Every structure is written in structure tokens, then in C-alpha cells.
């Protein structure tokens, strides 16, 4: 069962760090904190984590499935999107590989959450951060998708424990599935398919049209040289 047992903390530097160090934790164990002083995002970015303003959650997975380890972060992102959509009634999208998106009244994407997957031996830790009750002034500036919160998009305040329960319930279902079973739902929510994008990794740059996500979780980019698999790096769109 995803979320059992659950370690609740008032504050910590990073729930992912605690989860990585929790060596005896079984598959499905979770760490949740009211606040983080050193929350982390992809590529070493800082994740703002003020008290009671968001969900700061890390899951410990000890998978028996042979599917690609990167897929677990995509599955988690899909589970979060499904949970938030059911709770709020809002349309919730995804940006490969780890952004959770809400949409303003004009349909413009706004980042409201992120996923960070890390590994230690055979253990995979999936960190989940969701902006719930932040005001516009409390959110960081972002160069691609402006940051937002569920409160700003829904005009409602959110109980962190209610959101936690909904997310864990949805993740219990999604993380028990094979990627091929749910890949079409991920692609349906994946913002930017059919759009021109630039992928950058280790000084290399590739321009193309986003074609979809493959069976190993890689993004498919149709460039002038044909279809290319994008595994890791930074993806930006021409908005």
C-alpha cells in the first residue's frame, strides 16, 4: 500500500534526503513534512516549501518490475495529475518529464507541481511538491511556465491532509500499473505534443517537434535528422 507507513515531520531540509537515508523503510513508505528548508527540484533547483502552503512528499519504492527506473517519476506525475483533477475539477496537465501544470482562464499553462526521482541502490525515491495555498507574491519567478498554486487557479483554500490522502490513493493505483497501460493517458495530458521544442543536454542542442513518449518513458522529438529519443536534459518550448 502506497503511504504505509508514513513518517510525518514538522520541518526538514528535504523529504527526499530523509527518504534516501531511511534504509529500513519498506516499499510504499512515505515521508511528508509541513515545511522544507532545502527542497530540491530537477537540475539542482531549489523548491520553495513554506509551512502549510504545499504538499511536500517523498515515496520510497522497491520495485520488482523490470520497467525503466525513469518511468516511476512519470507514473507518479500522472497519479498526481489525476488526483488534483478529481479534487479540484480543474484541467491538470503534465510537461515531460516532471512538471505538473494547471491552466489559467485563458488556457495558459502554469506550473503547480514537480516530481524528483532519485535512486539509492535498488531503492527509488520519488519526491512530490505541489503548490496548494500560496499567493502570487509567495511564488518564485520561472522563465518558461509561470508558477501558480491550486488556490490561485481554483479560488479555494486547500487542506494539505485532504490533498495528501487523495494523492496517495491515486498513486496506489497508478504505481501498481505497467507504464504501457497508462502511457496514452500521460500523452493525452502531456503539454507540447505537436509543438516545436528545443532540447539541451551537456552543451548539445536539438530542435524538433515533440512526437510523444515511448515505452521506456523517453520523449520522442522529430528533428530534421529523423525521430530522436530524449532521455535527460532541459526541454524548452517556443511559446
Protein backbone atom coordinates (compact mmCIF):
# COMPACT_ATOMS: atom_id res chain seq x y z
CA UNK A 1 0.00 0.00 0.00
CA UNK A 2 1.45 3.36 -1.03
CA UNK A 3 1.73 5.64 2.01
CA UNK A 4 2.15 2.93 4.64
CA UNK A 5 3.94 3.56 6.87
CA UNK A 6 4.11 7.35 6.75
CA UNK A 7 6.69 9.47 8.56
CA UNK A 8 5.33 12.94 9.37
CA UNK A 9 7.76 15.77 10.10
CA UNK A 10 7.16 19.35 11.17
CA UNK A 11 10.10 20.54 9.10
CA UNK A 12 13.16 19.08 7.39
CA UNK A 13 15.75 20.11 4.86
CA UNK A 14 14.39 17.72 2.23
CA UNK A 15 11.89 14.87 2.40
CA UNK A 16 13.84 13.17 -0.40
CA UNK A 17 17.00 13.27 1.70
CA UNK A 18 15.15 11.71 4.66
CA UNK A 19 13.66 9.03 2.41
CA UNK A 20 17.02 8.20 0.84
CA UNK A 21 18.54 7.77 4.32
CA UNK A 22 15.62 5.66 5.65
CA UNK A 23 17.30 2.36 4.85
CA UNK A 24 14.82 0.07 6.63
CA UNK A 25 11.72 1.60 5.03
CA UNK A 26 9.58 -0.87 3.05
CA UNK A 27 8.14 -0.40 -0.42
CA UNK A 28 5.40 2.23 -0.30
CA UNK A 29 6.66 4.10 2.77
CA UNK A 30 6.25 7.87 2.66
CA UNK A 31 7.81 10.96 4.21
CA UNK A 32 5.78 14.15 4.46
CA UNK A 33 6.73 17.49 6.02
CA UNK A 34 4.87 20.70 6.80
CA UNK A 35 7.87 22.69 5.54
CA UNK A 36 11.27 22.18 3.93
CA UNK A 37 14.34 24.38 4.21
CA UNK A 38 16.16 22.77 1.29
CA UNK A 39 13.52 21.34 -1.01
CA UNK A 40 15.01 20.21 -4.31
CA UNK A 41 13.84 20.18 -7.90
CA UNK A 42 15.42 18.84 -11.07
CA UNK A 43 18.88 20.02 -12.16
CA UNK A 44 19.73 21.22 -8.64
CA UNK A 45 16.99 23.85 -8.48
CA UNK A 46 15.51 24.94 -5.15
CA UNK A 47 11.86 24.13 -4.41
CA UNK A 48 10.13 26.78 -2.28
CA UNK A 49 8.45 25.00 0.65
CA UNK A 50 6.84 27.43 3.13
CA UNK A 51 4.89 25.96 6.08
CA UNK A 52 1.46 24.50 5.27
CA UNK A 53 1.40 26.13 1.82
CA UNK A 54 2.03 22.97 -0.17
CA UNK A 55 2.34 19.22 -0.17
CA UNK A 56 5.94 18.07 0.37
CA UNK A 57 6.01 14.29 -0.01
CA UNK A 58 8.54 11.59 -0.83
CA UNK A 59 7.72 7.97 -1.61
CA UNK A 60 10.05 5.01 -1.21
CA UNK A 61 9.70 2.37 -3.92
CA UNK A 62 11.39 -1.01 -4.04
CA UNK A 63 10.01 -2.20 -7.37
CA UNK A 64 10.09 -5.78 -8.57
CA UNK A 65 9.08 -4.67 -12.05
CA UNK A 66 11.86 -4.51 -14.66
CA UNK A 67 10.46 -1.34 -16.25
CA UNK A 68 12.85 1.57 -16.73
CA UNK A 69 13.55 3.44 -13.47
CA UNK A 70 12.76 6.80 -15.11
CA UNK A 71 9.21 5.60 -15.71
CA UNK A 72 8.40 5.72 -11.98
CA UNK A 73 8.61 9.52 -11.97
CA UNK A 74 6.27 9.68 -14.97
CA UNK A 75 3.81 7.33 -13.26
CA UNK A 76 3.93 9.49 -10.12
CA UNK A 77 3.31 12.65 -12.16
CA UNK A 78 0.29 11.02 -13.77
CA UNK A 79 -1.08 9.93 -10.39
CA UNK A 80 -0.73 13.46 -9.02
CA UNK A 81 -2.47 14.93 -12.08
CA UNK A 82 -5.39 12.51 -11.77
CA UNK A 83 -5.77 13.22 -8.04
CA UNK A 84 -5.71 17.01 -8.42
CA UNK A 85 -8.15 16.89 -11.31
CA UNK A 86 -10.64 14.82 -9.32
CA UNK A 87 -10.29 17.06 -6.25
CA UNK A 88 -10.47 20.44 -7.95
CA UNK A 89 -12.43 19.86 -11.15
CA UNK A 90 -9.68 21.74 -12.98
CA UNK A 91 -7.88 20.52 -16.06
CA UNK A 92 -4.45 19.27 -14.98
CA UNK A 93 -1.67 18.67 -17.48
CA UNK A 94 1.93 17.48 -17.48
CA UNK A 95 5.17 18.68 -19.04
CA UNK A 96 7.66 15.90 -19.65
CA UNK A 97 9.35 14.74 -17.55
CA UNK A 98 8.35 16.20 -14.20
CA UNK A 99 6.14 19.31 -14.22
CA UNK A 100 2.51 19.30 -13.10
CA UNK A 101 0.50 22.04 -14.80
CA UNK A 102 -2.71 23.90 -14.12
CA UNK A 103 -4.24 26.34 -16.58
CA UNK A 104 -5.41 29.91 -16.16
CA UNK A 105 -8.80 31.09 -17.53
CA UNK A 106 -7.16 31.84 -20.90
CA UNK A 107 -5.76 28.30 -21.13
CA UNK A 108 -2.15 29.29 -20.49
CA UNK A 109 -0.12 26.64 -18.58
CA UNK A 110 1.04 27.37 -15.03
CA UNK A 111 3.40 25.16 -13.04
CA UNK A 112 1.82 23.99 -9.79
CA UNK A 113 3.91 20.93 -9.01
CA UNK A 114 7.02 18.91 -9.75
CA UNK A 115 8.43 15.41 -9.38
CA UNK A 116 12.01 14.49 -8.47
CA UNK A 117 13.13 10.87 -8.82
CA UNK A 118 16.36 9.71 -7.15
CA UNK A 119 17.87 6.29 -6.55
CA UNK A 120 19.99 4.63 -3.86
CA UNK A 121 20.92 1.09 -4.74
CA UNK A 122 17.73 -0.75 -5.65
CA UNK A 123 15.58 1.83 -3.84
CA UNK A 124 13.84 4.59 -5.80
CA UNK A 125 12.66 7.76 -4.05
CA UNK A 126 10.05 9.88 -5.79
CA UNK A 127 9.69 13.40 -4.38
CA UNK A 128 6.45 15.28 -4.99
CA UNK A 129 5.97 19.00 -4.43
CA UNK A 130 2.60 20.67 -5.05
CA UNK A 131 1.80 24.36 -4.62
CA UNK A 132 -1.53 24.49 -2.80
CA UNK A 133 -2.20 27.72 -0.90
CA UNK A 134 0.49 30.17 -1.99
CA UNK A 135 -0.41 33.68 -3.02
CA UNK A 136 1.11 35.14 -6.17
CA UNK A 137 3.66 37.07 -4.08
CA UNK A 138 4.88 33.87 -2.43
CA UNK A 139 5.68 32.09 -5.71
CA UNK A 140 9.09 32.12 -7.44
CA UNK A 141 9.63 33.55 -10.89
CA UNK A 142 10.04 30.94 -13.64
CA UNK A 143 11.43 31.56 -17.14
CA UNK A 144 9.12 29.15 -19.02
CA UNK A 145 5.86 28.43 -17.21
CA UNK A 146 4.90 30.99 -14.56
CA UNK A 147 4.37 29.36 -11.16
CA UNK A 148 0.90 29.17 -9.66
CA UNK A 149 -0.95 27.33 -6.92
CA UNK A 150 -4.13 25.31 -6.70
CA UNK A 151 -5.62 28.10 -4.61
CA UNK A 152 -4.97 30.73 -7.27
CA UNK A 153 -6.45 28.58 -10.03
CA UNK A 154 -9.49 27.34 -8.11
CA UNK A 155 -10.20 30.32 -5.78
CA UNK A 156 -10.34 27.81 -2.88
CA UNK A 157 -8.13 27.10 0.13
CA UNK A 158 -6.91 23.52 0.34
CA UNK A 159 -6.38 21.23 3.33
CA UNK A 160 -2.95 19.61 2.91
CA UNK A 161 -4.08 16.36 4.55
CA UNK A 162 -7.08 16.06 2.22
CA UNK A 163 -4.80 16.51 -0.80
CA UNK A 164 -2.28 14.05 0.66
CA UNK A 165 -4.95 11.35 1.08
CA UNK A 166 -6.22 11.85 -2.47
CA UNK A 167 -2.72 11.77 -3.97
CA UNK A 168 -1.71 8.63 -2.06
CA UNK A 169 -4.91 6.88 -3.10
CA UNK A 170 -4.37 7.66 -6.78
CA UNK A 171 -0.68 6.76 -6.59
CA UNK A 172 -1.55 3.41 -5.02
CA UNK A 173 -3.44 2.63 -8.23
CA UNK A 174 -1.13 4.17 -10.81
CA UNK A 175 2.17 2.91 -9.35
CA UNK A 176 0.77 -0.60 -9.43
CA UNK A 177 0.30 -0.45 -13.19
CA UNK A 178 2.63 -1.09 -16.08
CA UNK A 179 3.70 2.02 -17.99
CA UNK A 180 2.20 0.71 -21.23
CA UNK A 181 -1.24 0.58 -19.55
CA UNK A 182 -1.29 4.30 -18.78
CA UNK A 183 1.08 5.81 -21.35
CA UNK A 184 -1.82 7.03 -23.52
CA UNK A 185 -3.28 8.95 -20.55
CA UNK A 186 0.12 10.54 -19.87
CA UNK A 187 0.43 11.56 -23.52
CA UNK A 188 -3.11 12.95 -23.52
CA UNK A 189 -2.13 15.25 -20.67
CA UNK A 190 1.38 15.97 -21.96
CA UNK A 191 1.60 19.63 -22.88
CA UNK A 192 3.57 20.41 -26.01
CA UNK A 193 2.99 17.31 -28.15
CA UNK A 194 2.94 18.57 -31.72
CA UNK A 195 4.81 21.75 -30.72
CA UNK A 196 8.33 22.84 -31.68
CA UNK A 197 10.76 22.45 -28.78
CA UNK A 198 14.48 22.65 -28.06
CA UNK A 199 16.26 20.00 -26.02
CA UNK A 200 19.60 20.84 -24.40
CA UNK A 201 21.94 18.42 -22.64
CA UNK A 202 25.65 18.73 -21.79
CA UNK A 203 26.18 21.55 -24.27
CA UNK A 204 24.35 19.83 -27.13
CA UNK A 205 21.14 21.27 -28.57
CA UNK A 206 18.43 19.58 -30.62
CA UNK A 207 15.45 21.27 -32.27
CA UNK A 208 12.34 19.39 -33.32
CA UNK A 209 8.64 18.70 -32.93
CA UNK A 210 7.52 16.74 -29.87
CA UNK A 211 6.03 13.47 -31.14
CA UNK A 212 5.17 11.65 -27.91
CA UNK A 213 6.60 9.44 -25.17
CA UNK A 214 7.93 5.95 -25.85
CA UNK A 215 7.65 2.66 -23.96
CA UNK A 216 10.70 3.47 -21.81
CA UNK A 217 9.49 6.95 -20.86
CA UNK A 218 11.78 8.83 -23.27
CA UNK A 219 10.43 11.85 -25.11
CA UNK A 220 10.35 11.46 -28.88
CA UNK A 221 11.48 14.52 -30.82
CA UNK A 222 11.09 14.64 -34.60
CA UNK A 223 14.09 16.60 -35.89
CA UNK A 224 15.48 17.28 -39.35
CA UNK A 225 17.51 14.07 -38.97
CA UNK A 226 14.54 11.90 -38.04
CA UNK A 227 13.00 10.72 -34.77
CA UNK A 228 15.26 11.16 -31.73
CA UNK A 229 14.87 9.84 -28.17
CA UNK A 230 15.29 12.45 -25.42
CA UNK A 231 16.21 10.84 -22.09
CA UNK A 232 17.51 13.63 -19.85
CA UNK A 233 18.19 17.34 -20.01
CA UNK A 234 16.28 20.59 -20.37
CA UNK A 235 13.32 20.96 -22.70
CA UNK A 236 12.00 24.38 -23.68
CA UNK A 237 9.11 25.34 -25.92
CA UNK A 238 8.59 28.26 -28.27
CA UNK A 239 5.54 29.76 -26.57
